[in-house]
Amino acid sequence: MNPDSSIDQLVLVTVSGSQADAFTDKINRAGLYVTQIDSSGGILNEATVSMLIGLSKRQLPMLLDILHECCRTRRRFIPVHVEAPLLEIQPAVIEAEVGGALIYVLDVERFEQV
């Protein structure tokens, strides 16, 4: 990050583990740095990555463009476990939307690097 630029926003982003590497590579090439926190959750209990990104307000549109490019949602069919004693039932599947990103943008009152 350019030493002249000030950090006045903190972006907390949670993305799919499968999309995290491409997103991280792209924002690093754009001059932004990220702190990653591995996690999992959601209905599918899949790996996710939460990221903390400090930036200036003027860099936010660029970050959002990269997010829209790298973290698209997609549809996936997942099996549903159905218990039916004494019946033969084909495993049921449901369609779920996976991927994408959750984005929180917070104003930073003070940033200090020690």
N, C-alpha and C. Protein backbone atom coordinates (compact mmCIF):
# COMPACT_ATOMS: atom_id res chain seq x y z
N MET A 1 0.85 -1.17 0.00
CA MET A 1 0.00 0.00 0.00
C MET A 1 0.89 1.23 0.00
N ASN A 2 0.47 2.23 -0.72
CA ASN A 2 1.19 3.49 -0.81
C ASN A 2 1.23 4.15 0.56
N PRO A 3 2.44 4.55 1.05
CA PRO A 3 2.51 5.14 2.37
C PRO A 3 1.73 6.45 2.48
N ASP A 4 1.47 7.10 1.35
CA ASP A 4 0.72 8.36 1.37
C ASP A 4 -0.77 8.15 1.58
N SER A 5 -1.27 6.95 1.25
CA SER A 5 -2.70 6.72 1.38
C SER A 5 -3.05 6.39 2.83
N SER A 6 -4.16 6.93 3.26
CA SER A 6 -4.58 6.66 4.63
C SER A 6 -5.65 5.58 4.64
N ILE A 7 -5.70 4.85 5.71
CA ILE A 7 -6.73 3.82 5.86
C ILE A 7 -7.86 4.44 6.66
N ASP A 8 -9.00 4.58 6.01
CA ASP A 8 -10.16 5.15 6.70
C ASP A 8 -11.38 4.24 6.61
N GLN A 9 -11.18 3.02 6.04
CA GLN A 9 -12.26 2.04 6.02
C GLN A 9 -11.68 0.66 6.24
N LEU A 10 -12.48 -0.17 6.92
CA LEU A 10 -12.14 -1.57 7.12
C LEU A 10 -13.25 -2.37 6.47
N VAL A 11 -12.86 -3.26 5.55
CA VAL A 11 -13.83 -4.10 4.87
C VAL A 11 -13.66 -5.51 5.40
N LEU A 12 -14.75 -6.07 5.89
CA LEU A 12 -14.78 -7.46 6.34
C LEU A 12 -15.54 -8.23 5.28
N VAL A 13 -14.87 -9.19 4.66
CA VAL A 13 -15.44 -9.96 3.56
C VAL A 13 -15.37 -11.44 3.92
N THR A 14 -16.45 -12.17 3.72
CA THR A 14 -16.44 -13.62 3.87
C THR A 14 -16.75 -14.23 2.51
N VAL A 15 -15.83 -15.08 2.03
CA VAL A 15 -15.98 -15.70 0.71
C VAL A 15 -15.81 -17.21 0.85
N SER A 16 -16.25 -17.92 -0.16
CA SER A 16 -16.08 -19.37 -0.23
C SER A 16 -14.59 -19.70 -0.26
N GLY A 17 -14.21 -20.78 0.41
CA GLY A 17 -12.82 -21.20 0.40
C GLY A 17 -12.30 -21.45 -1.00
N SER A 18 -13.16 -21.92 -1.89
CA SER A 18 -12.74 -22.21 -3.26
C SER A 18 -12.49 -20.94 -4.08
N GLN A 19 -13.04 -19.80 -3.64
CA GLN A 19 -12.87 -18.55 -4.37
C GLN A 19 -11.83 -17.63 -3.71
N ALA A 20 -11.37 -17.98 -2.52
CA ALA A 20 -10.51 -17.10 -1.74
C ALA A 20 -9.16 -16.84 -2.39
N ASP A 21 -8.52 -17.87 -2.95
CA ASP A 21 -7.18 -17.69 -3.51
C ASP A 21 -7.17 -16.72 -4.69
N ALA A 22 -8.11 -16.88 -5.60
CA ALA A 22 -8.16 -15.98 -6.77
C ALA A 22 -8.42 -14.55 -6.33
N PHE A 23 -9.32 -14.38 -5.37
CA PHE A 23 -9.63 -13.04 -4.87
C PHE A 23 -8.41 -12.42 -4.18
N THR A 24 -7.74 -13.19 -3.33
CA THR A 24 -6.57 -12.68 -2.62
C THR A 24 -5.46 -12.30 -3.59
N ASP A 25 -5.20 -13.14 -4.58
CA ASP A 25 -4.16 -12.83 -5.58
C ASP A 25 -4.47 -11.52 -6.29
N LYS A 26 -5.72 -11.35 -6.67
CA LYS A 26 -6.10 -10.17 -7.44
C LYS A 26 -6.00 -8.89 -6.60
N ILE A 27 -6.43 -8.94 -5.34
CA ILE A 27 -6.34 -7.71 -4.54
C ILE A 27 -4.90 -7.40 -4.14
N ASN A 28 -4.06 -8.43 -3.98
CA ASN A 28 -2.65 -8.18 -3.73
C ASN A 28 -1.99 -7.51 -4.92
N ARG A 29 -2.34 -7.96 -6.13
CA ARG A 29 -1.80 -7.32 -7.34
C ARG A 29 -2.28 -5.88 -7.48
N ALA A 30 -3.44 -5.58 -6.88
CA ALA A 30 -3.98 -4.21 -6.92
C ALA A 30 -3.37 -3.33 -5.82
N GLY A 31 -2.48 -3.91 -5.00
CA GLY A 31 -1.80 -3.12 -3.98
C GLY A 31 -2.48 -3.12 -2.62
N LEU A 32 -3.45 -4.00 -2.42
CA LEU A 32 -4.12 -4.09 -1.13
C LEU A 32 -3.61 -5.32 -0.38
N TYR A 33 -3.63 -5.23 0.93
CA TYR A 33 -3.19 -6.34 1.76
C TYR A 33 -4.36 -6.85 2.57
N VAL A 34 -4.30 -8.10 2.95
CA VAL A 34 -5.44 -8.74 3.59
C VAL A 34 -4.96 -9.62 4.74
N THR A 35 -5.77 -9.69 5.78
CA THR A 35 -5.58 -10.65 6.85
C THR A 35 -6.71 -11.68 6.72
N GLN A 36 -6.34 -12.95 6.63
CA GLN A 36 -7.33 -14.02 6.42
C GLN A 36 -7.59 -14.80 7.70
N ILE A 37 -8.85 -15.15 7.90
CA ILE A 37 -9.27 -15.98 9.03
C ILE A 37 -10.08 -17.13 8.46
N ASP A 38 -9.57 -18.35 8.59
CA ASP A 38 -10.29 -19.52 8.09
C ASP A 38 -11.50 -19.80 8.96
N SER A 39 -12.58 -20.21 8.33
CA SER A 39 -13.80 -20.52 9.06
C SER A 39 -14.61 -21.53 8.25
N SER A 40 -15.75 -21.92 8.77
CA SER A 40 -16.67 -22.76 8.02
C SER A 40 -18.06 -22.47 8.54
N GLY A 41 -19.04 -22.81 7.74
CA GLY A 41 -20.39 -22.58 8.20
C GLY A 41 -21.40 -22.63 7.08
N GLY A 42 -22.57 -22.13 7.38
CA GLY A 42 -23.66 -22.16 6.42
C GLY A 42 -24.34 -23.50 6.41
N ILE A 43 -25.34 -23.61 5.59
CA ILE A 43 -26.12 -24.85 5.52
C ILE A 43 -25.27 -26.03 5.04
N LEU A 44 -24.25 -25.75 4.24
CA LEU A 44 -23.41 -26.82 3.71
C LEU A 44 -22.18 -27.09 4.58
N ASN A 45 -21.95 -26.25 5.58
CA ASN A 45 -20.80 -26.36 6.46
C ASN A 45 -19.50 -26.46 5.66
N GLU A 46 -19.38 -25.63 4.63
CA GLU A 46 -18.19 -25.64 3.79
C GLU A 46 -17.18 -24.63 4.30
N ALA A 47 -15.95 -24.80 3.86
CA ALA A 47 -14.88 -23.88 4.24
C ALA A 47 -15.16 -22.50 3.67
N THR A 48 -14.98 -21.51 4.52
CA THR A 48 -15.06 -20.12 4.09
C THR A 48 -13.83 -19.40 4.62
N VAL A 49 -13.58 -18.23 4.08
CA VAL A 49 -12.47 -17.42 4.54
C VAL A 49 -13.01 -16.03 4.81
N SER A 50 -12.79 -15.55 6.02
CA SER A 50 -13.14 -14.17 6.35
C SER A 50 -11.87 -13.35 6.22
N MET A 51 -11.99 -12.18 5.61
CA MET A 51 -10.83 -11.35 5.33
C MET A 51 -11.04 -9.95 5.88
N LEU A 52 -9.99 -9.40 6.45
CA LEU A 52 -9.99 -8.02 6.92
C LEU A 52 -9.11 -7.22 5.96
N ILE A 53 -9.68 -6.17 5.38
CA ILE A 53 -8.95 -5.38 4.39
C ILE A 53 -9.06 -3.91 4.79
N GLY A 54 -7.93 -3.29 5.07
CA GLY A 54 -7.91 -1.86 5.37
C GLY A 54 -7.59 -1.10 4.10
N LEU A 55 -8.35 -0.03 3.83
CA LEU A 55 -8.13 0.74 2.61
C LEU A 55 -8.68 2.15 2.76
N SER A 56 -8.43 2.97 1.76
CA SER A 56 -9.01 4.31 1.74
C SER A 56 -10.33 4.26 0.98
N LYS A 57 -11.19 5.22 1.25
CA LYS A 57 -12.52 5.24 0.62
C LYS A 57 -12.43 5.24 -0.90
N ARG A 58 -11.41 5.86 -1.44
CA ARG A 58 -11.31 5.92 -2.91
C ARG A 58 -10.96 4.57 -3.51
N GLN A 59 -10.44 3.62 -2.72
CA GLN A 59 -10.10 2.29 -3.22
C GLN A 59 -11.28 1.32 -3.14
N LEU A 60 -12.34 1.69 -2.43
CA LEU A 60 -13.47 0.78 -2.24
C LEU A 60 -14.13 0.35 -3.55
N PRO A 61 -14.40 1.25 -4.50
CA PRO A 61 -15.01 0.79 -5.77
C PRO A 61 -14.17 -0.27 -6.48
N MET A 62 -12.84 -0.11 -6.45
CA MET A 62 -11.96 -1.11 -7.08
C MET A 62 -12.10 -2.45 -6.38
N LEU A 63 -12.12 -2.45 -5.05
CA LEU A 63 -12.27 -3.70 -4.30
C LEU A 63 -13.60 -4.37 -4.61
N LEU A 64 -14.67 -3.60 -4.67
CA LEU A 64 -15.99 -4.16 -4.97
C LEU A 64 -16.03 -4.75 -6.38
N ASP A 65 -15.37 -4.10 -7.33
CA ASP A 65 -15.29 -4.64 -8.70
C ASP A 65 -14.59 -6.00 -8.70
N ILE A 66 -13.48 -6.09 -7.95
CA ILE A 66 -12.74 -7.35 -7.88
C ILE A 66 -13.61 -8.44 -7.22
N LEU A 67 -14.33 -8.08 -6.17
CA LEU A 67 -15.22 -9.04 -5.51
C LEU A 67 -16.28 -9.57 -6.47
N HIS A 68 -16.91 -8.67 -7.23
CA HIS A 68 -17.94 -9.10 -8.17
C HIS A 68 -17.36 -10.00 -9.26
N GLU A 69 -16.11 -9.77 -9.61
CA GLU A 69 -15.46 -10.58 -10.65
C GLU A 69 -15.06 -11.97 -10.14
N CYS A 70 -14.52 -12.03 -8.94
CA CYS A 70 -13.94 -13.28 -8.42
C CYS A 70 -14.91 -14.13 -7.60
N CYS A 71 -15.94 -13.54 -7.05
CA CYS A 71 -16.78 -14.25 -6.07
C CYS A 71 -18.23 -14.29 -6.52
N ARG A 72 -18.47 -14.88 -7.63
CA ARG A 72 -19.84 -15.00 -8.15
C ARG A 72 -20.58 -16.14 -7.46
N THR A 73 -21.89 -15.97 -7.35
CA THR A 73 -22.70 -17.07 -6.82
C THR A 73 -22.96 -18.08 -7.92
N ARG A 74 -23.22 -19.30 -7.51
CA ARG A 74 -23.54 -20.36 -8.47
C ARG A 74 -24.52 -21.32 -7.80
N ARG A 75 -25.20 -22.09 -8.61
CA ARG A 75 -26.18 -23.06 -8.10
C ARG A 75 -25.51 -24.43 -7.99
N ARG A 76 -25.87 -25.14 -6.93
CA ARG A 76 -25.33 -26.47 -6.72
C ARG A 76 -26.43 -27.35 -6.16
N PHE A 77 -26.44 -28.59 -6.59
CA PHE A 77 -27.41 -29.55 -6.07
C PHE A 77 -26.75 -30.35 -4.96
N ILE A 78 -27.42 -30.40 -3.80
CA ILE A 78 -26.87 -31.12 -2.66
C ILE A 78 -27.87 -32.16 -2.19
N PRO A 79 -27.38 -33.32 -1.75
CA PRO A 79 -28.29 -34.35 -1.28
C PRO A 79 -28.89 -33.99 0.09
N VAL A 80 -30.12 -34.37 0.27
CA VAL A 80 -30.81 -34.18 1.54
C VAL A 80 -31.02 -35.56 2.14
N HIS A 81 -30.64 -35.72 3.36
CA HIS A 81 -30.79 -37.02 4.02
C HIS A 81 -32.23 -37.17 4.52
N VAL A 82 -32.92 -38.15 3.96
CA VAL A 82 -34.30 -38.41 4.33
C VAL A 82 -34.36 -39.77 5.00
N GLU A 83 -34.91 -39.78 6.18
CA GLU A 83 -35.07 -41.05 6.88
C GLU A 83 -36.53 -41.49 6.74
N ALA A 84 -36.71 -42.64 6.13
CA ALA A 84 -38.05 -43.19 5.96
C ALA A 84 -37.98 -44.69 6.21
N PRO A 85 -38.30 -45.11 7.42
CA PRO A 85 -38.21 -46.53 7.74
C PRO A 85 -39.15 -47.35 6.86
N LEU A 86 -38.65 -48.47 6.44
CA LEU A 86 -39.40 -49.45 5.65
C LEU A 86 -39.76 -48.99 4.25
N LEU A 87 -39.24 -47.87 3.82
CA LEU A 87 -39.52 -47.39 2.46
C LEU A 87 -38.21 -47.22 1.70
N GLU A 88 -38.26 -47.54 0.44
CA GLU A 88 -37.10 -47.26 -0.40
C GLU A 88 -37.33 -45.94 -1.09
N ILE A 89 -36.52 -44.98 -0.76
CA ILE A 89 -36.69 -43.64 -1.31
C ILE A 89 -35.37 -43.23 -1.98
N GLN A 90 -35.52 -42.67 -3.17
CA GLN A 90 -34.36 -42.10 -3.83
C GLN A 90 -33.87 -40.90 -3.00
N PRO A 91 -32.55 -40.76 -2.89
CA PRO A 91 -32.08 -39.60 -2.14
C PRO A 91 -32.60 -38.32 -2.78
N ALA A 92 -33.13 -37.47 -1.95
CA ALA A 92 -33.64 -36.18 -2.43
C ALA A 92 -32.49 -35.19 -2.55
N VAL A 93 -32.62 -34.28 -3.48
CA VAL A 93 -31.62 -33.20 -3.62
C VAL A 93 -32.35 -31.87 -3.63
N ILE A 94 -31.65 -30.88 -3.15
CA ILE A 94 -32.17 -29.52 -3.22
C ILE A 94 -31.15 -28.66 -3.95
N GLU A 95 -31.64 -27.61 -4.55
CA GLU A 95 -30.77 -26.67 -5.23
C GLU A 95 -30.41 -25.56 -4.26
N ALA A 96 -29.11 -25.28 -4.13
CA ALA A 96 -28.65 -24.25 -3.21
C ALA A 96 -27.75 -23.28 -3.94
N GLU A 97 -27.78 -22.03 -3.53
CA GLU A 97 -26.89 -21.02 -4.08
C GLU A 97 -25.64 -20.99 -3.21
N VAL A 98 -24.48 -21.15 -3.83
CA VAL A 98 -23.22 -21.16 -3.10
C VAL A 98 -22.29 -20.12 -3.70
N GLY A 99 -21.22 -19.84 -2.98
CA GLY A 99 -20.25 -18.85 -3.44
C GLY A 99 -20.71 -17.46 -3.10
N GLY A 100 -20.21 -16.50 -3.83
CA GLY A 100 -20.54 -15.11 -3.55
C GLY A 100 -19.73 -14.59 -2.39
N ALA A 101 -20.17 -13.50 -1.82
CA ALA A 101 -19.44 -12.88 -0.71
C ALA A 101 -20.39 -12.12 0.18
N LEU A 102 -20.04 -12.07 1.45
CA LEU A 102 -20.70 -11.18 2.41
C LEU A 102 -19.74 -10.03 2.65
N ILE A 103 -20.22 -8.80 2.53
CA ILE A 103 -19.33 -7.65 2.58
C ILE A 103 -19.84 -6.66 3.63
N TYR A 104 -18.97 -6.31 4.56
CA TYR A 104 -19.27 -5.28 5.55
C TYR A 104 -18.22 -4.19 5.41
N VAL A 105 -18.66 -2.94 5.31
CA VAL A 105 -17.74 -1.82 5.20
C VAL A 105 -17.91 -0.96 6.44
N LEU A 106 -16.81 -0.78 7.16
CA LEU A 106 -16.83 -0.03 8.41
C LEU A 106 -15.91 1.18 8.31
N ASP A 107 -16.37 2.31 8.82
CA ASP A 107 -15.49 3.49 8.88
C ASP A 107 -14.47 3.30 9.99
N VAL A 108 -13.24 3.72 9.73
CA VAL A 108 -12.17 3.62 10.70
C VAL A 108 -11.92 5.01 11.29
N GLU A 109 -12.10 5.12 12.58
CA GLU A 109 -11.88 6.40 13.24
C GLU A 109 -10.38 6.70 13.37
N ARG A 110 -9.62 5.64 13.65
CA ARG A 110 -8.17 5.82 13.82
C ARG A 110 -7.47 4.56 13.35
N PHE A 111 -6.38 4.75 12.59
CA PHE A 111 -5.54 3.63 12.17
C PHE A 111 -4.11 3.97 12.56
N GLU A 112 -3.48 3.00 13.18
CA GLU A 112 -2.09 3.19 13.61
C GLU A 112 -1.34 1.89 13.38
N GLN A 113 -0.20 1.97 12.74
CA GLN A 113 0.62 0.79 12.51
C GLN A 113 1.87 0.94 13.38
N VAL A 114 2.09 -0.02 14.27
CA VAL A 114 3.20 0.04 15.22
C VAL A 114 4.30 -0.88 14.80
